[in-house]
Protein backbone atom coordinates (compact mmCIF):
# COMPACT_ATOMS: atom_id res chain seq x y z
CA MET A 1 108.17 -16.98 146.80
CA SER A 2 107.26 -14.21 144.38
CA THR A 3 103.91 -13.85 142.86
CA ALA A 4 105.14 -14.31 139.26
CA SER A 5 107.02 -17.40 140.36
CA LEU A 6 103.85 -19.19 141.18
CA LEU A 7 102.62 -18.69 137.76
CA GLU A 8 105.86 -20.01 136.40
CA LEU A 9 105.70 -23.01 138.68
CA TYR A 10 102.14 -24.01 137.74
CA ARG A 11 101.81 -27.38 136.01
CA PRO A 12 98.47 -28.78 134.72
CA ASP A 13 98.45 -31.59 137.29
CA ALA A 14 98.37 -29.01 140.17
CA ALA A 15 95.32 -29.30 142.40
CA LEU A 16 94.60 -25.51 142.20
CA PHE A 17 96.14 -22.25 141.01
CA LEU A 18 93.99 -19.24 142.14
CA ALA A 19 94.82 -15.57 141.65
CA THR A 20 92.48 -13.07 143.42
CA PRO A 21 92.69 -9.36 144.08
CA ARG A 22 94.16 -10.17 147.55
CA HIS A 23 96.56 -12.97 146.94
CA THR A 24 97.70 -15.89 144.80
CA LEU A 25 97.93 -19.53 145.73
CA LEU A 26 99.39 -22.62 144.09
CA ALA A 27 98.48 -26.03 145.58
CA ALA A 28 99.98 -29.34 144.33
CA GLY A 29 99.62 -33.01 145.26
CA ALA A 30 97.13 -34.54 147.54
CA ARG A 31 98.04 -35.44 151.10
CA SER A 32 94.42 -36.29 151.74
CA ARG A 33 91.21 -36.30 149.66
CA LEU A 34 87.69 -35.50 150.68
CA GLN A 35 85.63 -38.05 148.82
CA ILE A 36 82.26 -36.74 147.61
CA GLU A 37 81.11 -39.01 144.84
CA GLY A 38 78.02 -37.14 143.93
CA GLY A 39 74.31 -37.68 144.50
CA ALA A 40 71.30 -35.82 145.82
CA GLY A 41 71.90 -34.46 149.38
CA GLN A 42 75.67 -35.18 149.27
CA TRP A 43 76.59 -31.59 150.00
CA GLN A 44 74.52 -31.39 153.27
CA ALA A 45 77.38 -33.07 155.18
CA LEU A 46 80.26 -31.54 153.18
CA ALA A 47 81.15 -28.80 155.65
CA GLY A 48 81.07 -31.05 158.67
CA ARG A 49 83.23 -33.65 156.87
CA ALA A 50 85.63 -30.90 155.75
CA ARG A 51 85.90 -29.52 159.32
CA ALA A 52 86.73 -32.98 160.68
CA LEU A 53 89.42 -33.66 158.03
CA LEU A 54 91.06 -30.19 158.49
CA GLY A 55 91.06 -30.70 162.27
CA GLU A 56 92.91 -34.00 161.82
CA GLN A 57 95.37 -32.38 159.42
CA ALA A 58 95.99 -29.39 161.67
CA ARG A 59 96.78 -31.69 164.60
CA GLU A 60 99.26 -33.84 162.54
CA PHE A 61 100.85 -31.27 160.22
CA GLY A 62 100.10 -27.86 161.75
CA ALA A 63 97.31 -25.31 161.01
CA ALA A 64 99.24 -23.62 158.24
CA ARG A 65 99.19 -26.78 156.12
CA ALA A 66 95.51 -27.70 156.85
CA VAL A 67 93.89 -26.17 153.87
CA LEU A 68 91.30 -27.75 151.66
CA VAL A 69 91.25 -26.70 147.98
CA GLY A 70 89.58 -27.66 144.80
CA ALA A 71 86.34 -27.54 142.78
CA LEU A 72 82.64 -28.32 143.25
CA PRO A 73 80.33 -29.00 140.30
CA PHE A 74 77.21 -27.06 139.32
CA ASP A 75 75.10 -30.11 140.11
CA GLU A 76 75.76 -32.00 143.32
CA ARG A 77 75.02 -35.19 141.46
CA LEU A 78 78.53 -35.04 140.16
CA PRO A 79 81.66 -35.72 142.36
CA ALA A 80 83.39 -32.86 144.11
CA ARG A 81 87.23 -32.56 143.70
CA LEU A 82 88.64 -31.44 147.05
CA VAL A 83 92.04 -32.22 148.47
CA VAL A 84 94.43 -31.22 151.25
CA PRO A 85 97.47 -30.54 149.08
CA GLU A 86 101.07 -31.74 149.73
CA THR A 87 102.50 -28.37 149.04
CA LEU A 88 100.81 -24.92 149.26
CA HIS A 89 102.42 -21.59 148.26
CA TRP A 90 100.93 -18.17 148.84
CA SER A 91 102.00 -14.88 147.50
CA GLY A 92 100.57 -11.35 146.94
CA PRO A 93 98.06 -10.37 144.19
CA LEU A 94 99.05 -10.54 140.62
CA GLY A 95 97.88 -6.99 139.79
CA GLY A 96 100.77 -4.81 138.71
CA VAL A 97 103.22 -7.81 138.61
CA ALA A 98 105.30 -7.95 135.35
CA LEU A 99 104.07 -11.02 133.45
CA PRO A 100 105.54 -12.61 130.31
CA ALA A 101 104.10 -11.75 126.93
CA PRO A 102 101.05 -13.73 125.84
CA SER A 103 102.03 -17.16 124.32
CA ALA A 104 100.46 -18.19 121.03
CA GLN A 105 98.62 -21.47 121.13
CA ALA A 106 99.53 -23.94 118.22
CA LEU A 107 96.18 -25.67 118.17
CA GLY A 108 95.92 -26.57 114.48
CA THR A 109 92.63 -26.51 112.66
CA GLY A 110 90.56 -28.81 114.66
CA ALA A 111 86.73 -29.08 114.44
CA LEU A 112 84.48 -26.68 116.43
CA ARG A 113 80.98 -27.72 117.57
CA GLU A 114 78.29 -25.57 119.25
CA LEU A 115 76.22 -27.24 122.04
CA PRO A 116 73.45 -26.36 121.32
CA SER A 117 73.53 -24.52 118.00
CA GLY A 118 72.67 -20.86 117.91
CA ALA A 119 69.17 -21.58 116.52
CA GLU A 120 68.55 -24.24 119.16
CA TYR A 121 69.65 -21.87 121.86
CA VAL A 122 67.25 -19.16 120.68
CA ALA A 123 64.45 -21.84 120.66
CA ALA A 124 65.35 -22.81 124.24
CA VAL A 125 65.28 -19.24 125.39
CA GLU A 126 61.79 -18.84 123.80
CA GLN A 127 60.63 -21.93 125.69
CA ALA A 128 62.08 -20.58 128.95
CA LEU A 129 60.15 -17.23 128.32
CA ALA A 130 56.99 -19.10 127.86
CA GLN A 131 57.48 -20.85 131.26
CA ILE A 132 58.22 -17.35 132.71
CA ARG A 133 55.06 -15.88 131.26
CA ALA A 134 53.10 -18.88 132.59
CA GLY A 135 54.33 -18.14 136.04
CA GLU A 136 56.46 -21.31 136.44
CA LEU A 137 59.73 -19.30 136.70
CA ARG A 138 60.94 -15.80 137.42
CA LYS A 139 64.43 -16.40 136.10
CA VAL A 140 66.42 -19.16 134.55
CA VAL A 141 70.07 -19.14 133.32
CA LEU A 142 70.63 -21.06 130.10
CA ALA A 143 74.10 -21.81 128.96
CA ARG A 144 75.74 -23.12 125.87
CA ALA A 145 79.12 -24.64 125.01
CA LEU A 146 81.77 -24.47 122.32
CA GLU A 147 83.60 -27.74 121.88
CA MET A 148 86.97 -27.71 120.01
CA GLN A 149 88.84 -30.78 118.96
CA THR A 150 92.46 -29.68 118.44
CA GLU A 151 95.31 -31.22 116.36
CA ALA A 152 97.83 -30.35 119.06
CA ALA A 153 97.49 -30.68 122.86
CA PRO A 154 96.61 -27.23 124.34
CA ASP A 155 99.31 -25.65 126.46
CA VAL A 156 97.36 -25.30 129.68
CA ALA A 157 100.08 -23.36 131.40
CA ALA A 158 100.35 -20.83 128.60
CA LEU A 159 96.51 -20.56 128.60
CA LEU A 160 96.48 -19.83 132.37
CA ALA A 161 99.22 -17.20 131.91
CA ASN A 162 97.28 -15.52 129.03
CA LEU A 163 94.10 -15.46 131.21
CA VAL A 164 95.96 -13.94 134.12
CA ARG A 165 97.63 -11.32 131.96
CA ARG A 166 94.41 -10.19 130.21
CA ASN A 167 92.21 -10.35 133.31
CA GLN A 168 94.25 -9.12 136.26
CA GLY A 169 91.16 -7.77 138.09
CA ALA A 170 89.41 -11.17 137.92
CA TYR A 171 89.70 -14.48 139.79
CA ALA A 172 91.91 -16.51 137.51
CA PHE A 173 91.96 -20.17 138.29
CA ALA A 174 93.09 -23.59 137.12
CA ALA A 175 91.80 -26.65 138.99
CA GLN A 176 92.21 -30.34 138.34
CA VAL A 177 88.77 -31.89 137.99
CA GLY A 178 89.50 -35.18 136.10
CA GLU A 179 90.25 -38.68 137.38
CA GLN A 180 93.88 -39.50 138.16
CA ASN A 181 94.25 -41.48 134.98
CA GLN A 182 92.20 -38.94 132.93
CA PRO A 183 93.39 -35.37 133.79
CA ARG A 184 91.02 -32.61 133.02
CA THR A 185 91.67 -28.94 133.91
CA LEU A 186 88.99 -26.41 134.68
CA ILE A 187 90.42 -23.06 133.73
CA GLY A 188 89.10 -19.55 133.55
CA ALA A 189 89.02 -15.99 134.73
CA SER A 190 85.79 -15.34 136.68
CA PRO A 191 84.61 -11.88 137.75
CA GLU A 192 82.34 -13.31 140.47
CA LEU A 193 83.14 -14.05 144.11
CA LEU A 194 80.44 -16.28 145.68
CA VAL A 195 81.58 -15.72 149.27
CA SER A 196 84.68 -15.20 151.38
CA ARG A 197 85.21 -15.35 155.15
CA ARG A 198 87.97 -13.75 157.22
CA GLY A 199 87.31 -14.19 160.88
CA ARG A 200 83.69 -13.26 161.42
CA ALA A 201 83.63 -10.97 158.31
CA VAL A 202 81.70 -12.34 155.31
CA LEU A 203 81.68 -10.83 151.82
CA ALA A 204 79.54 -11.88 148.87
CA ASN A 205 79.60 -10.17 145.42
CA PRO A 206 76.82 -11.43 143.21
CA LEU A 207 76.69 -10.36 139.53
CA ALA A 208 73.70 -10.38 137.28
CA GLY A 209 72.77 -8.26 134.40
CA SER A 210 75.41 -7.99 131.63
CA ALA A 211 76.24 -6.21 128.41
CA PRO A 212 79.21 -6.70 126.03
CA ARG A 213 82.02 -4.05 126.04
CA ASN A 214 82.67 -2.04 122.92
CA ALA A 215 86.04 -1.12 121.40
CA ASP A 216 84.81 2.48 120.84
CA PRO A 217 85.24 4.38 124.11
CA GLU A 218 82.02 6.41 123.70
CA LEU A 219 79.87 3.40 122.60
CA ASP A 220 81.38 1.45 125.51
CA ARG A 221 80.44 4.12 127.99
CA ARG A 222 76.97 4.22 126.62
CA ALA A 223 76.71 0.44 126.94
CA GLY A 224 77.60 0.59 130.58
CA ALA A 225 75.19 3.47 131.29
CA ALA A 226 72.34 1.67 129.46
CA LEU A 227 72.87 -1.49 131.54
CA LEU A 228 72.82 0.51 134.70
CA ALA A 229 69.53 2.08 133.71
CA SER A 230 67.92 -1.12 132.33
CA ALA A 231 64.78 -2.13 134.30
CA LYS A 232 65.01 -5.64 132.95
CA ASP A 233 68.64 -6.13 134.09
CA ARG A 234 68.10 -4.49 137.36
CA ARG A 235 65.12 -6.81 137.99
CA GLU A 236 67.31 -9.76 137.15
CA HIS A 237 70.04 -8.46 139.51
CA ALA A 238 67.59 -7.98 142.23
CA PHE A 239 66.50 -11.63 142.20
CA VAL A 240 70.13 -12.63 142.89
CA VAL A 241 70.85 -10.07 145.58
CA GLU A 242 67.59 -10.97 147.44
CA ALA A 243 68.41 -14.68 147.33
CA VAL A 244 71.97 -14.21 148.44
CA ALA A 245 70.95 -12.05 151.35
CA ALA A 246 68.24 -14.47 152.40
CA SER A 247 70.74 -17.36 152.42
CA LEU A 248 73.33 -15.41 154.43
CA ARG A 249 70.94 -14.02 157.08
CA PRO A 250 70.63 -17.17 159.16
CA PHE A 251 74.42 -17.16 159.59
CA CYS A 252 74.93 -13.41 160.22
CA SER A 253 74.18 -11.22 163.19
CA GLU A 254 74.18 -8.25 160.83
CA ILE A 255 74.27 -7.83 157.10
CA SER A 256 74.70 -4.84 154.86
CA VAL A 257 72.96 -4.83 151.47
CA PRO A 258 73.39 -1.72 149.23
CA ALA A 259 70.09 -0.30 147.83
CA GLU A 260 71.61 0.08 144.28
CA PRO A 261 73.98 -1.95 142.15
CA VAL A 262 77.15 -0.60 140.65
CA LEU A 263 78.89 -1.23 137.28
CA MET A 264 81.69 -3.71 137.19
CA GLN A 265 83.71 -4.15 134.03
CA THR A 266 85.91 -6.94 132.68
CA ALA A 267 87.98 -6.97 129.51
CA THR A 268 84.90 -8.24 127.56
CA MET A 269 81.69 -7.40 129.69
CA TRP A 270 79.86 -4.86 131.83
CA HIS A 271 78.09 -6.40 134.80
CA LEU A 272 75.80 -5.15 137.53
CA SER A 273 77.47 -5.79 140.87
CA THR A 274 76.48 -5.66 144.53
CA GLU A 275 78.78 -6.28 147.53
CA LEU A 276 76.99 -7.78 150.57
CA ARG A 277 78.89 -7.70 153.91
CA GLY A 278 78.01 -9.39 157.11
CA GLN A 279 79.23 -10.52 160.49
CA LEU A 280 78.86 -14.14 161.46
CA ARG A 281 76.86 -15.13 164.48
CA ASP A 282 79.01 -18.30 165.05
CA SER A 283 82.75 -18.25 164.40
CA ALA A 284 82.47 -22.11 163.71
CA THR A 285 80.68 -21.32 160.46
CA SER A 286 83.20 -21.93 157.71
CA ALA A 287 83.54 -20.35 154.29
CA LEU A 288 82.76 -23.81 152.72
CA GLU A 289 79.51 -24.02 154.80
CA LEU A 290 78.53 -20.58 153.50
CA ALA A 291 79.30 -21.56 149.92
CA THR A 292 77.24 -24.68 149.88
CA ALA A 293 74.33 -22.77 151.53
CA LEU A 294 74.46 -20.20 148.88
CA HIS A 295 74.94 -22.44 145.79
CA PRO A 296 73.38 -22.35 143.31
CA THR A 297 72.35 -18.70 143.34
CA PRO A 298 69.98 -17.26 140.75
CA ALA A 299 73.00 -15.71 139.02
CA ILE A 300 73.86 -19.13 137.53
CA CYS A 301 70.67 -21.13 138.07
CA GLY A 302 67.55 -19.11 138.37
CA THR A 303 64.56 -18.70 140.64
CA PRO A 304 62.70 -20.46 142.14
CA THR A 305 65.63 -22.98 142.28
CA ALA A 306 63.95 -26.26 141.78
CA PRO A 307 62.02 -25.36 138.59
CA ALA A 308 64.93 -23.44 137.22
CA LEU A 309 67.15 -26.54 137.66
CA ALA A 310 64.54 -28.63 135.93
CA ALA A 311 64.35 -26.14 132.97
CA ILE A 312 68.16 -26.15 132.68
CA ARG A 313 68.20 -29.99 132.52
CA ALA A 314 65.35 -30.02 129.99
CA LEU A 315 66.50 -27.20 127.72
CA GLU A 316 70.29 -26.95 127.69
CA GLY A 317 71.04 -30.44 126.14
CA PHE A 318 74.55 -30.98 127.63
CA GLU A 319 76.16 -31.64 131.06
CA ARG A 320 77.60 -28.47 132.66
CA GLY A 321 80.18 -30.36 134.67
CA TYR A 322 82.23 -27.83 136.74
CA TYR A 323 81.10 -24.83 134.78
CA ALA A 324 78.94 -22.63 137.07
CA GLY A 325 80.15 -24.57 140.02
CA LEU A 326 82.71 -23.32 142.64
CA VAL A 327 86.45 -23.22 142.96
CA GLY A 328 88.38 -22.06 146.10
CA TRP A 329 89.79 -22.96 149.44
CA SER A 330 88.88 -23.19 153.21
CA ASP A 331 91.27 -23.58 156.03
CA ALA A 332 91.13 -25.24 159.53
CA SER A 333 89.96 -21.84 161.15
CA GLY A 334 87.06 -21.63 158.67
CA ASP A 335 88.49 -18.82 156.64
CA GLY A 336 88.37 -19.16 152.90
CA GLU A 337 86.95 -18.01 149.56
CA TRP A 338 84.86 -19.62 146.83
CA ILE A 339 84.55 -18.31 143.28
CA VAL A 340 81.72 -18.97 140.81
CA THR A 341 83.29 -20.83 137.81
CA ILE A 342 82.27 -18.77 134.91
CA ARG A 343 84.27 -17.37 131.87
CA CYS A 344 85.89 -20.83 131.91
CA ALA A 345 86.70 -23.91 129.87
CA GLU A 346 87.52 -27.56 130.53
CA VAL A 347 90.70 -28.83 128.86
CA ALA A 348 91.45 -32.51 128.43
CA GLN A 349 94.10 -33.89 125.98
CA ARG A 350 93.13 -32.48 122.53
CA GLN A 351 89.63 -31.25 123.49
CA ILE A 352 88.59 -27.84 124.87
CA ARG A 353 85.03 -27.09 125.93
CA LEU A 354 84.14 -23.45 126.57
CA TYR A 355 81.05 -22.39 128.49
CA ALA A 356 78.91 -19.28 128.68
CA GLY A 357 75.41 -18.48 129.99
CA ALA A 358 72.80 -15.79 130.07
CA GLY A 359 70.02 -15.02 132.65
CA ILE A 360 66.48 -15.16 131.15
CA VAL A 361 63.77 -12.97 132.72
CA ASP A 362 60.57 -11.41 131.55
CA GLY A 363 61.59 -8.90 128.87
CA SER A 364 64.54 -10.90 127.68
CA GLN A 365 65.11 -11.09 123.89
CA ALA A 366 66.27 -14.46 122.58
CA GLN A 367 68.75 -13.01 119.99
CA ALA A 368 70.24 -10.67 122.63
CA GLU A 369 70.80 -13.52 125.01
CA LEU A 370 72.53 -15.45 122.28
CA ASP A 371 74.81 -12.41 121.50
CA GLU A 372 75.59 -12.14 125.30
CA THR A 373 76.81 -15.77 125.42
CA SER A 374 78.86 -15.09 122.33
CA ALA A 375 80.49 -12.11 124.02
CA LYS A 376 81.29 -14.17 127.15
CA PHE A 377 83.09 -16.75 125.20
CA ARG A 378 85.65 -14.03 124.25
CA THR A 379 87.49 -14.29 127.62
CA VAL A 380 88.81 -17.81 126.84
CA LEU A 381 88.87 -17.46 123.04
CA THR A 382 91.13 -14.47 123.28
CA ALA A 383 93.44 -16.13 125.71
CA LEU A 384 93.66 -19.05 123.24
CA GLY A 385 94.70 -16.60 120.52
CA ILE A 386 91.56 -17.18 118.55
CA ALA A 387 89.73 -14.24 117.08
CA PRO A 388 86.02 -14.36 118.35
């Protein structure tokens, strides 16, 4: 089946659509579900339960059909949405594939609500900075949301096609995260790979430190150069790289960590990026086990983890849901890849909630962090046909 055909076949009730730089997959139906209802400590047994389920599925249906797909929330107190699909199609990467022209979204003039408001977000950043200066935190990621009530039901398939077309270097995804009688789609185009595993080879690509792109080529080049030279942003990035490396080392016989970050660009943002590569000690360690060991990284939570989580719950004022969680797949051999769910939205009936966050460290400026979240909203807003 061709790559473009998978995008055409996508329907909002599909378990997962995922387009990566290496391949594209479309999973539909649920031959079996891995029930994780949520609660403290629930993820500790997740990899073992997944391994047992996939082993059963491989024995009954063959290894090629034993693949677990879906989404994990930011907070393990919420339920995971993981299934072995009835049907699973793979194709090559979408990059360079001819795609249909962007579709206009006929959303009407519904209400728009900020969660929290810009002024409340600035105040929350100031509170977080006070905690950092007091030594309680080194970094915390604070997010905000835009909630749209639309007159017409959003065309989820058209939104996905627009995201794919405009972000062909990203990880475009659409995952079903609602109840069976209350469908809800998590949809986005994330630049960030949490972790992938192929055989014993492990790759993680944390991002931290961001700057908005500029329509003027020279100003855009300067924005990227300034980000790469920024002591504040490099310090923020180092927190993440150190944490990811520390989490991977118990699983790896060797690990390579570049000394310097590089620039990554999306359609809307510059990011500091580092690729960490390792070799597993034990071939039984799965991609899902690595993902749950790494999550949440300082890129979407903060450091130290426990006080950062407490600050998020106290300061954000809304439930993240599956934003800043994970989406991806793992198979019976342990191979797989898990993507950090940023640059995304949740769509349900006539409601769309967009999410964006910014990392707060010593030296952050509250208004600049607000501006950064506004720029990050542009990924989904543009795909919806809404001028930011």
